[in-house]
Amino acid sequence: MADRDLNRELNPWMYDSSGNLTPEALKQFPDLAGTPAPITTGGSATAPAGASGQQLVVHPDALRTAGQNASRLGSKTTADCQNPAGNAMFRSAT
């Protein structure tokens, strides 16, 4: 589901029957009216036509490490949620 589709589900008042932002929504959230500039990734010194701002540089090792950390955190969360709290945890909470 795209961001705009999710936004339509969560905030139906912001869109008319044809799926466009209502004038009230445009006044309240002007940043939703435009299309964000494309994000460029490392490897090219020139930005694509029409792109503005700074170039986003992605370092593969940093991205790989972040992915591994997220995976470990997800595994730990799953394991922790499968263990019952037990009486000791209940006593300390009360």
PDB file of N, CA and C in Angstrom:
ATOM      1  N   MET A   1       0.849  -1.178   0.000  1.00  0.00           N
ATOM      2  CA  MET A   1       0.000   0.000   0.000  1.00  0.00           C
ATOM      3  C   MET A   1       0.891   1.236   0.000  1.00  0.00           C
ATOM      4  N   ALA A   2       0.628   2.114  -0.902  1.00  0.00           N
ATOM      5  CA  ALA A   2       1.414   3.343  -0.997  1.00  0.00           C
ATOM      6  C   ALA A   2       1.022   4.298   0.122  1.00  0.00           C
ATOM      7  N   ASP A   3       1.884   5.272   0.392  1.00  0.00           N
ATOM      8  CA  ASP A   3       1.614   6.250   1.446  1.00  0.00           C
ATOM      9  C   ASP A   3       0.285   6.967   1.223  1.00  0.00           C
ATOM     10  N   ARG A   4       0.029   7.334  -0.012  1.00  0.00           N
ATOM     11  CA  ARG A   4      -1.205   8.074  -0.296  1.00  0.00           C
ATOM     12  C   ARG A   4      -2.422   7.173  -0.090  1.00  0.00           C
ATOM     13  N   ASP A   5      -2.308   5.890  -0.458  1.00  0.00           N
ATOM     14  CA  ASP A   5      -3.416   4.963  -0.236  1.00  0.00           C
ATOM     15  C   ASP A   5      -3.690   4.801   1.253  1.00  0.00           C
ATOM     16  N   LEU A   6      -2.642   4.680   2.037  1.00  0.00           N
ATOM     17  CA  LEU A   6      -2.801   4.565   3.485  1.00  0.00           C
ATOM     18  C   LEU A   6      -3.417   5.838   4.050  1.00  0.00           C
ATOM     19  N   ASN A   7      -2.956   6.972   3.571  1.00  0.00           N
ATOM     20  CA  ASN A   7      -3.500   8.244   4.027  1.00  0.00           C
ATOM     21  C   ASN A   7      -4.987   8.348   3.708  1.00  0.00           C
ATOM     22  N   ARG A   8      -5.399   7.848   2.554  1.00  0.00           N
ATOM     23  CA  ARG A   8      -6.831   7.863   2.192  1.00  0.00           C
ATOM     24  C   ARG A   8      -7.637   6.995   3.152  1.00  0.00           C
ATOM     25  N   GLU A   9      -7.062   5.866   3.553  1.00  0.00           N
ATOM     26  CA  GLU A   9      -7.753   4.976   4.490  1.00  0.00           C
ATOM     27  C   GLU A   9      -7.874   5.615   5.869  1.00  0.00           C
ATOM     28  N   LEU A  10      -6.803   6.262   6.318  1.00  0.00           N
ATOM     29  CA  LEU A  10      -6.789   6.837   7.660  1.00  0.00           C
ATOM     30  C   LEU A  10      -7.495   8.182   7.750  1.00  0.00           C
ATOM     31  N   ASN A  11      -7.485   8.936   6.666  1.00  0.00           N
ATOM     32  CA  ASN A  11      -8.051  10.289   6.658  1.00  0.00           C
ATOM     33  C   ASN A  11      -8.980  10.486   5.465  1.00  0.00           C
ATOM     34  N   PRO A  12     -10.104   9.797   5.421  1.00  0.00           N
ATOM     35  CA  PRO A  12     -10.975   9.908   4.241  1.00  0.00           C
ATOM     36  C   PRO A  12     -11.527  11.313   4.026  1.00  0.00           C
ATOM     37  N   TRP A  13     -11.614  12.114   5.078  1.00  0.00           N
ATOM     38  CA  TRP A  13     -12.139  13.475   4.953  1.00  0.00           C
ATOM     39  C   TRP A  13     -11.251  14.357   4.085  1.00  0.00           C
ATOM     40  N   MET A  14      -9.988  13.954   3.905  1.00  0.00           N
ATOM     41  CA  MET A  14      -9.047  14.781   3.145  1.00  0.00           C
ATOM     42  C   MET A  14      -9.207  14.637   1.634  1.00  0.00           C
ATOM     43  N   TYR A  15      -9.984  13.635   1.183  1.00  0.00           N
ATOM     44  CA  TYR A  15     -10.076  13.342  -0.247  1.00  0.00           C
ATOM     45  C   TYR A  15     -11.519  13.401  -0.733  1.00  0.00           C
ATOM     46  N   ASP A  16     -11.678  13.902  -1.962  1.00  0.00           N
ATOM     47  CA  ASP A  16     -13.014  13.931  -2.547  1.00  0.00           C
ATOM     48  C   ASP A  16     -13.312  12.584  -3.200  1.00  0.00           C
ATOM     49  N   SER A  17     -14.463  12.469  -3.856  1.00  0.00           N
ATOM     50  CA  SER A  17     -14.888  11.190  -4.429  1.00  0.00           C
ATOM     51  C   SER A  17     -13.974  10.712  -5.558  1.00  0.00           C
ATOM     52  N   SER A  18     -13.246  11.614  -6.196  1.00  0.00           N
ATOM     53  CA  SER A  18     -12.332  11.208  -7.267  1.00  0.00           C
ATOM     54  C   SER A  18     -10.919  10.923  -6.750  1.00  0.00           C
ATOM     55  N   GLY A  19     -10.709  11.037  -5.434  1.00  0.00           N
ATOM     56  CA  GLY A  19      -9.413  10.704  -4.852  1.00  0.00           C
ATOM     57  C   GLY A  19      -8.442  11.861  -4.755  1.00  0.00           C
ATOM     58  N   ASN A  20      -8.891  13.068  -5.068  1.00  0.00           N
ATOM     59  CA  ASN A  20      -8.032  14.247  -4.980  1.00  0.00           C
ATOM     60  C   ASN A  20      -8.175  14.903  -3.613  1.00  0.00           C
ATOM     61  N   LEU A  21      -7.136  15.613  -3.198  1.00  0.00           N
ATOM     62  CA  LEU A  21      -7.191  16.330  -1.937  1.00  0.00           C
ATOM     63  C   LEU A  21      -8.243  17.428  -1.991  1.00  0.00           C
ATOM     64  N   THR A  22      -8.993  17.579  -0.904  1.00  0.00           N
ATOM     65  CA  THR A  22      -9.990  18.645  -0.838  1.00  0.00           C
ATOM     66  C   THR A  22      -9.280  19.981  -0.608  1.00  0.00           C
ATOM     67  N   PRO A  23      -9.940  21.098  -0.935  1.00  0.00           N
ATOM     68  CA  PRO A  23      -9.326  22.411  -0.685  1.00  0.00           C
ATOM     69  C   PRO A  23      -8.965  22.616   0.783  1.00  0.00           C
ATOM     70  N   GLU A  24      -9.806  22.104   1.701  1.00  0.00           N
ATOM     71  CA  GLU A  24      -9.519  22.235   3.127  1.00  0.00           C
ATOM     72  C   GLU A  24      -8.238  21.488   3.496  1.00  0.00           C
ATOM     73  N   ALA A  25      -8.070  20.286   2.929  1.00  0.00           N
ATOM     74  CA  ALA A  25      -6.869  19.496   3.213  1.00  0.00           C
ATOM     75  C   ALA A  25      -5.631  20.176   2.646  1.00  0.00           C
ATOM     76  N   LEU A  26      -5.747  20.770   1.461  1.00  0.00           N
ATOM     77  CA  LEU A  26      -4.612  21.471   0.861  1.00  0.00           C
ATOM     78  C   LEU A  26      -4.189  22.670   1.702  1.00  0.00           C
ATOM     79  N   LYS A  27      -5.162  23.354   2.311  1.00  0.00           N
ATOM     80  CA  LYS A  27      -4.828  24.486   3.174  1.00  0.00           C
ATOM     81  C   LYS A  27      -4.126  24.015   4.444  1.00  0.00           C
ATOM     82  N   GLN A  28      -4.627  22.909   4.996  1.00  0.00           N
ATOM     83  CA  GLN A  28      -4.075  22.419   6.251  1.00  0.00           C
ATOM     84  C   GLN A  28      -2.743  21.699   6.056  1.00  0.00           C
ATOM     85  N   PHE A  29      -2.603  21.007   4.926  1.00  0.00           N
ATOM     86  CA  PHE A  29      -1.393  20.228   4.653  1.00  0.00           C
ATOM     87  C   PHE A  29      -0.851  20.555   3.267  1.00  0.00           C
ATOM     88  N   PRO A  30      -0.264  21.740   3.071  1.00  0.00           N
ATOM     89  CA  PRO A  30       0.201  22.131   1.732  1.00  0.00           C
ATOM     90  C   PRO A  30       1.312  21.235   1.191  1.00  0.00           C
ATOM     91  N   ASP A  31       2.059  20.567   2.079  1.00  0.00           N
ATOM     92  CA  ASP A  31       3.141  19.708   1.611  1.00  0.00           C
ATOM     93  C   ASP A  31       2.626  18.465   0.900  1.00  0.00           C
ATOM     94  N   LEU A  32       1.363  18.096   1.091  1.00  0.00           N
ATOM     95  CA  LEU A  32       0.809  16.924   0.413  1.00  0.00           C
ATOM     96  C   LEU A  32       0.463  17.207  -1.044  1.00  0.00           C
ATOM     97  N   ALA A  33       0.371  18.465  -1.401  1.00  0.00           N
ATOM     98  CA  ALA A  33      -0.043  18.830  -2.753  1.00  0.00           C
ATOM     99  C   ALA A  33       1.032  18.529  -3.790  1.00  0.00           C
ATOM    100  N   GLY A  34       2.289  18.687  -3.419  1.00  0.00           N
ATOM    101  CA  GLY A  34       3.362  18.513  -4.383  1.00  0.00           C
ATOM    102  C   GLY A  34       3.916  17.105  -4.392  1.00  0.00           C
ATOM    103  N   THR A  35       4.651  16.817  -5.427  1.00  0.00           N
ATOM    104  CA  THR A  35       5.354  15.545  -5.526  1.00  0.00           C
ATOM    105  C   THR A  35       6.766  15.756  -5.025  1.00  0.00           C
ATOM    106  N   PRO A  36       7.226  14.925  -4.087  1.00  0.00           N
ATOM    107  CA  PRO A  36       8.575  15.126  -3.571  1.00  0.00           C
ATOM    108  C   PRO A  36       9.625  14.922  -4.655  1.00  0.00           C
ATOM    109  N   ALA A  37      10.727  15.612  -4.504  1.00  0.00           N
ATOM    110  CA  ALA A  37      11.828  15.466  -5.460  1.00  0.00           C
ATOM    111  C   ALA A  37      12.395  14.057  -5.368  1.00  0.00           C
ATOM    112  N   PRO A  38      12.877  13.530  -6.483  1.00  0.00           N
ATOM    113  CA  PRO A  38      13.447  12.184  -6.442  1.00  0.00           C
ATOM    114  C   PRO A  38      14.702  12.145  -5.577  1.00  0.00           C
ATOM    115  N   ILE A  39      14.911  11.035  -4.937  1.00  0.00           N
ATOM    116  CA  ILE A  39      16.107  10.840  -4.120  1.00  0.00           C
ATOM    117  C   ILE A  39      17.114  10.066  -4.957  1.00  0.00           C
ATOM    118  N   THR A  40      18.308  10.585  -5.043  1.00  0.00           N
ATOM    119  CA  THR A  40      19.345   9.888  -5.783  1.00  0.00           C
ATOM    120  C   THR A  40      20.208   9.117  -4.795  1.00  0.00           C
ATOM    121  N   THR A  41      20.743   8.024  -5.246  1.00  0.00           N
ATOM    122  CA  THR A  41      21.613   7.222  -4.393  1.00  0.00           C
ATOM    123  C   THR A  41      23.028   7.280  -4.919  1.00  0.00           C
ATOM    124  N   GLY A  42      23.970   6.952  -4.056  1.00  0.00           N
ATOM    125  CA  GLY A  42      25.382   7.059  -4.401  1.00  0.00           C
ATOM    126  C   GLY A  42      25.759   6.352  -5.689  1.00  0.00           C
ATOM    127  N   GLY A  43      26.848   6.765  -6.265  1.00  0.00           N
ATOM    128  CA  GLY A  43      27.338   6.125  -7.481  1.00  0.00           C
ATOM    129  C   GLY A  43      27.414   7.072  -8.654  1.00  0.00           C
ATOM    130  N   SER A  44      26.669   8.147  -8.605  1.00  0.00           N
ATOM    131  CA  SER A  44      26.686   9.105  -9.696  1.00  0.00           C
ATOM    132  C   SER A  44      26.909  10.496  -9.122  1.00  0.00           C
ATOM    133  N   ALA A  45      27.767  11.252  -9.755  1.00  0.00           N
ATOM    134  CA  ALA A  45      28.071  12.598  -9.259  1.00  0.00           C
ATOM    135  C   ALA A  45      27.027  13.607  -9.705  1.00  0.00           C
ATOM    136  N   THR A  46      26.184  13.225 -10.664  1.00  0.00           N
ATOM    137  CA  THR A  46      25.181  14.168 -11.147  1.00  0.00           C
ATOM    138  C   THR A  46      23.795  13.684 -10.752  1.00  0.00           C
ATOM    139  N   ALA A  47      22.956  14.618 -10.383  1.00  0.00           N
ATOM    140  CA  ALA A  47      21.582  14.291 -10.014  1.00  0.00           C
ATOM    141  C   ALA A  47      20.741  14.177 -11.275  1.00  0.00           C
ATOM    142  N   PRO A  48      19.659  13.408 -11.235  1.00  0.00           N
ATOM    143  CA  PRO A  48      18.778  13.305 -12.395  1.00  0.00           C
ATOM    144  C   PRO A  48      18.144  14.650 -12.731  1.00  0.00           C
ATOM    145  N   ALA A  49      17.707  14.781 -13.952  1.00  0.00           N
ATOM    146  CA  ALA A  49      17.070  16.030 -14.376  1.00  0.00           C
ATOM    147  C   ALA A  49      15.868  16.319 -13.495  1.00  0.00           C
ATOM    148  N   GLY A  50      15.756  17.541 -13.032  1.00  0.00           N
ATOM    149  CA  GLY A  50      14.635  17.942 -12.198  1.00  0.00           C
ATOM    150  C   GLY A  50      14.864  17.745 -10.710  1.00  0.00           C
ATOM    151  N   ALA A  51      15.922  17.031 -10.335  1.00  0.00           N
ATOM    152  CA  ALA A  51      16.195  16.798  -8.913  1.00  0.00           C
ATOM    153  C   ALA A  51      16.880  18.020  -8.325  1.00  0.00           C
ATOM    154  N   SER A  52      16.563  18.287  -7.094  1.00  0.00           N
ATOM    155  CA  SER A  52      17.205  19.414  -6.432  1.00  0.00           C
ATOM    156  C   SER A  52      17.629  18.985  -5.037  1.00  0.00           C
ATOM    157  N   GLY A  53      18.490  19.759  -4.417  1.00  0.00           N
ATOM    158  CA  GLY A  53      18.938  19.430  -3.074  1.00  0.00           C
ATOM    159  C   GLY A  53      20.199  18.590  -3.097  1.00  0.00           C
ATOM    160  N   GLN A  54      20.502  18.027  -1.945  1.00  0.00           N
ATOM    161  CA  GLN A  54      21.731  17.252  -1.833  1.00  0.00           C
ATOM    162  C   GLN A  54      21.514  15.818  -2.278  1.00  0.00           C
ATOM    163  N   GLN A  55      22.593  15.206  -2.687  1.00  0.00           N
ATOM    164  CA  GLN A  55      22.550  13.825  -3.119  1.00  0.00           C
ATOM    165  C   GLN A  55      22.609  12.918  -1.888  1.00  0.00           C
ATOM    166  N   LEU A  56      21.777  11.888  -1.881  1.00  0.00           N
ATOM    167  CA  LEU A  56      21.783  10.902  -0.814  1.00  0.00           C
ATOM    168  C   LEU A  56      22.816   9.840  -1.160  1.00  0.00           C
ATOM    169  N   VAL A  57      23.775   9.653  -0.281  1.00  0.00           N
ATOM    170  CA  VAL A  57      24.813   8.649  -0.510  1.00  0.00           C
ATOM    171  C   VAL A  57      24.569   7.498   0.448  1.00  0.00           C
ATOM    172  N   VAL A  58      24.432   6.310  -0.091  1.00  0.00           N
ATOM    173  CA  VAL A  58      24.191   5.127   0.714  1.00  0.00           C
ATOM    174  C   VAL A  58      25.470   4.306   0.753  1.00  0.00           C
ATOM    175  N   HIS A  59      25.949   4.050   1.967  1.00  0.00           N
ATOM    176  CA  HIS A  59      27.129   3.212   2.141  1.00  0.00           C
ATOM    177  C   HIS A  59      26.665   1.782   2.378  1.00  0.00           C
ATOM    178  N   PRO A  60      26.984   0.854   1.466  1.00  0.00           N
ATOM    179  CA  PRO A  60      26.477  -0.508   1.562  1.00  0.00           C
ATOM    180  C   PRO A  60      26.775  -1.186   2.903  1.00  0.00           C
ATOM    181  N   ASP A  61      27.965  -0.984   3.456  1.00  0.00           N
ATOM    182  CA  ASP A  61      28.288  -1.629   4.732  1.00  0.00           C
ATOM    183  C   ASP A  61      27.398  -1.108   5.858  1.00  0.00           C
ATOM    184  N   ALA A  62      27.152   0.189   5.889  1.00  0.00           N
ATOM    185  CA  ALA A  62      26.291   0.765   6.920  1.00  0.00           C
ATOM    186  C   ALA A  62      24.857   0.264   6.754  1.00  0.00           C
ATOM    187  N   LEU A  63      24.401   0.165   5.514  1.00  0.00           N
ATOM    188  CA  LEU A  63      23.054  -0.324   5.247  1.00  0.00           C
ATOM    189  C   LEU A  63      22.934  -1.797   5.646  1.00  0.00           C
ATOM    190  N   ARG A  64      23.949  -2.581   5.338  1.00  0.00           N
ATOM    191  CA  ARG A  64      23.963  -4.001   5.704  1.00  0.00           C
ATOM    192  C   ARG A  64      23.944  -4.165   7.227  1.00  0.00           C
ATOM    193  N   THR A  65      24.757  -3.379   7.927  1.00  0.00           N
ATOM    194  CA  THR A  65      24.800  -3.444   9.391  1.00  0.00           C
ATOM    195  C   THR A  65      23.451  -3.058   9.990  1.00  0.00           C
ATOM    196  N   ALA A  66      22.836  -2.014   9.464  1.00  0.00           N
ATOM    197  CA  ALA A  66      21.526  -1.592   9.962  1.00  0.00           C
ATOM    198  C   ALA A  66      20.496  -2.694   9.751  1.00  0.00           C
ATOM    199  N   GLY A  67      20.540  -3.351   8.624  1.00  0.00           N
ATOM    200  CA  GLY A  67      19.622  -4.455   8.351  1.00  0.00           C
ATOM    201  C   GLY A  67      19.826  -5.614   9.308  1.00  0.00           C
ATOM    202  N   GLN A  68      21.093  -5.957   9.568  1.00  0.00           N
ATOM    203  CA  GLN A  68      21.391  -7.040  10.502  1.00  0.00           C
ATOM    204  C   GLN A  68      20.938  -6.682  11.915  1.00  0.00           C
ATOM    205  N   ASN A  69      21.157  -5.429  12.331  1.00  0.00           N
ATOM    206  CA  ASN A  69      20.718  -4.990  13.651  1.00  0.00           C
ATOM    207  C   ASN A  69      19.196  -5.057  13.768  1.00  0.00           C
ATOM    208  N   ALA A  70      18.499  -4.641  12.734  1.00  0.00           N
ATOM    209  CA  ALA A  70      17.035  -4.689  12.746  1.00  0.00           C
ATOM    210  C   ALA A  70      16.548  -6.131  12.810  1.00  0.00           C
ATOM    211  N   SER A  71      17.214  -7.014  12.105  1.00  0.00           N
ATOM    212  CA  SER A  71      16.837  -8.427  12.131  1.00  0.00           C
ATOM    213  C   SER A  71      17.044  -9.026  13.520  1.00  0.00           C
ATOM    214  N   ARG A  72      18.194  -8.703  14.142  1.00  0.00           N
ATOM    215  CA  ARG A  72      18.456  -9.195  15.501  1.00  0.00           C
ATOM    216  C   ARG A  72      17.438  -8.656  16.492  1.00  0.00           C
ATOM    217  N   LEU A  73      17.104  -7.379  16.367  1.00  0.00           N
ATOM    218  CA  LEU A  73      16.122  -6.781  17.258  1.00  0.00           C
ATOM    219  C   LEU A  73      14.755  -7.445  17.085  1.00  0.00           C
ATOM    220  N   GLY A  74      14.383  -7.716  15.847  1.00  0.00           N
ATOM    221  CA  GLY A  74      13.112  -8.400  15.587  1.00  0.00           C
ATOM    222  C   GLY A  74      13.089  -9.796  16.190  1.00  0.00           C
ATOM    223  N   SER A  75      14.182 -10.531  16.057  1.00  0.00           N
ATOM    224  CA  SER A  75      14.262 -11.883  16.633  1.00  0.00           C
ATOM    225  C   SER A  75      14.186 -11.828  18.157  1.00  0.00           C
ATOM    226  N   LYS A  76      14.890 -10.864  18.754  1.00  0.00           N
ATOM    227  CA  LYS A  76      14.881 -10.732  20.214  1.00  0.00           C
ATOM    228  C   LYS A  76      13.491 -10.349  20.701  1.00  0.00           C
ATOM    229  N   THR A  77      12.829  -9.456  19.996  1.00  0.00           N
ATOM    230  CA  THR A  77      11.474  -9.053  20.383  1.00  0.00           C
ATOM    231  C   THR A  77      10.524 -10.231  20.301  1.00  0.00           C
ATOM    232  N   THR A  78      10.629 -11.015  19.230  1.00  0.00           N
ATOM    233  CA  THR A  78       9.777 -12.193  19.090  1.00  0.00           C
ATOM    234  C   THR A  78      10.018 -13.174  20.225  1.00  0.00           C
ATOM    235  N   ALA A  79      11.286 -13.429  20.543  1.00  0.00           N
ATOM    236  CA  ALA A  79      11.614 -14.361  21.627  1.00  0.00           C
ATOM    237  C   ALA A  79      11.112 -13.841  22.967  1.00  0.00           C
ATOM    238  N   ASP A  80      11.297 -12.555  23.219  1.00  0.00           N
ATOM    239  CA  ASP A  80      10.853 -11.976  24.489  1.00  0.00           C
ATOM    240  C   ASP A  80       9.338 -12.022  24.630  1.00  0.00           C
ATOM    241  N   CYS A  81       8.635 -11.838  23.548  1.00  0.00           N
ATOM    242  CA  CYS A  81       7.176 -11.843  23.606  1.00  0.00           C
ATOM    243  C   CYS A  81       6.618 -13.254  23.795  1.00  0.00           C
ATOM    244  N   GLN A  82       7.402 -14.273  23.487  1.00  0.00           N
ATOM    245  CA  GLN A  82       6.938 -15.643  23.643  1.00  0.00           C
ATOM    246  C   GLN A  82       7.151 -16.164  25.063  1.00  0.00           C
ATOM    247  N   ASN A  83       7.951 -15.476  25.871  1.00  0.00           N
ATOM    248  CA  ASN A  83       8.184 -15.885  27.253  1.00  0.00           C
ATOM    249  C   ASN A  83       7.151 -15.230  28.153  1.00  0.00           C
ATOM    250  N   PRO A  84       6.482 -16.025  28.987  1.00  0.00           N
ATOM    251  CA  PRO A  84       5.541 -15.409  29.913  1.00  0.00           C
ATOM    252  C   PRO A  84       6.275 -14.565  30.944  1.00  0.00           C
ATOM    253  N   ALA A  85       5.597 -13.558  31.442  1.00  0.00           N
ATOM    254  CA  ALA A  85       6.222 -12.651  32.407  1.00  0.00           C
ATOM    255  C   ALA A  85       6.581 -13.357  33.707  1.00  0.00           C
ATOM    256  N   GLY A  86       5.739 -14.240  34.169  1.00  0.00           N
ATOM    257  CA  GLY A  86       6.034 -14.976  35.387  1.00  0.00           C
ATOM    258  C   GLY A  86       5.723 -14.182  36.640  1.00  0.00           C
ATOM    259  N   ASN A  87       5.773 -14.867  37.766  1.00  0.00           N
ATOM    260  CA  ASN A  87       5.414 -14.263  39.052  1.00  0.00           C
ATOM    261  C   ASN A  87       6.402 -13.188  39.469  1.00  0.00           C
ATOM    262  N   ALA A  88       7.683 -13.378  39.226  1.00  0.00           N
ATOM    263  CA  ALA A  88       8.688 -12.397  39.631  1.00  0.00           C
ATOM    264  C   ALA A  88       8.436 -11.063  38.937  1.00  0.00           C
ATOM    265  N   MET A  89       8.124 -11.093  37.672  1.00  0.00           N
ATOM    266  CA  MET A  89       7.847  -9.873  36.925  1.00  0.00           C
ATOM    267  C   MET A  89       6.575  -9.221  37.448  1.00  0.00           C
ATOM    268  N   PHE A  90       5.556 -10.022  37.747  1.00  0.00           N
ATOM    269  CA  PHE A  90       4.300  -9.489  38.257  1.00  0.00           C
ATOM    270  C   PHE A  90       4.525  -8.829  39.628  1.00  0.00           C
ATOM    271  N   ARG A  91       5.297  -9.474  40.481  1.00  0.00           N
ATOM    272  CA  ARG A  91       5.559  -8.912  41.802  1.00  0.00           C
ATOM    273  C   ARG A  91       6.306  -7.583  41.693  1.00  0.00           C
ATOM    274  N   SER A  92       7.287  -7.514  40.824  1.00  0.00           N
ATOM    275  CA  SER A  92       8.036  -6.276  40.689  1.00  0.00           C
ATOM    276  C   SER A  92       7.185  -5.168  40.081  1.00  0.00           C
ATOM    277  N   ALA A  93       6.255  -5.516  39.223  1.00  0.00           N
ATOM    278  CA  ALA A  93       5.384  -4.518  38.609  1.00  0.00           C
ATOM    279  C   ALA A  93       4.372  -3.970  39.606  1.00  0.00           C
ATOM    280  N   THR A  94       3.961  -4.830  40.546  1.00  0.00           N
ATOM    281  CA  THR A  94       2.968  -4.367  41.534  1.00  0.00           C
ATOM    282  C   THR A  94       3.663  -3.707  42.679  1.00  0.00           C
TER     283      THR A  94
END
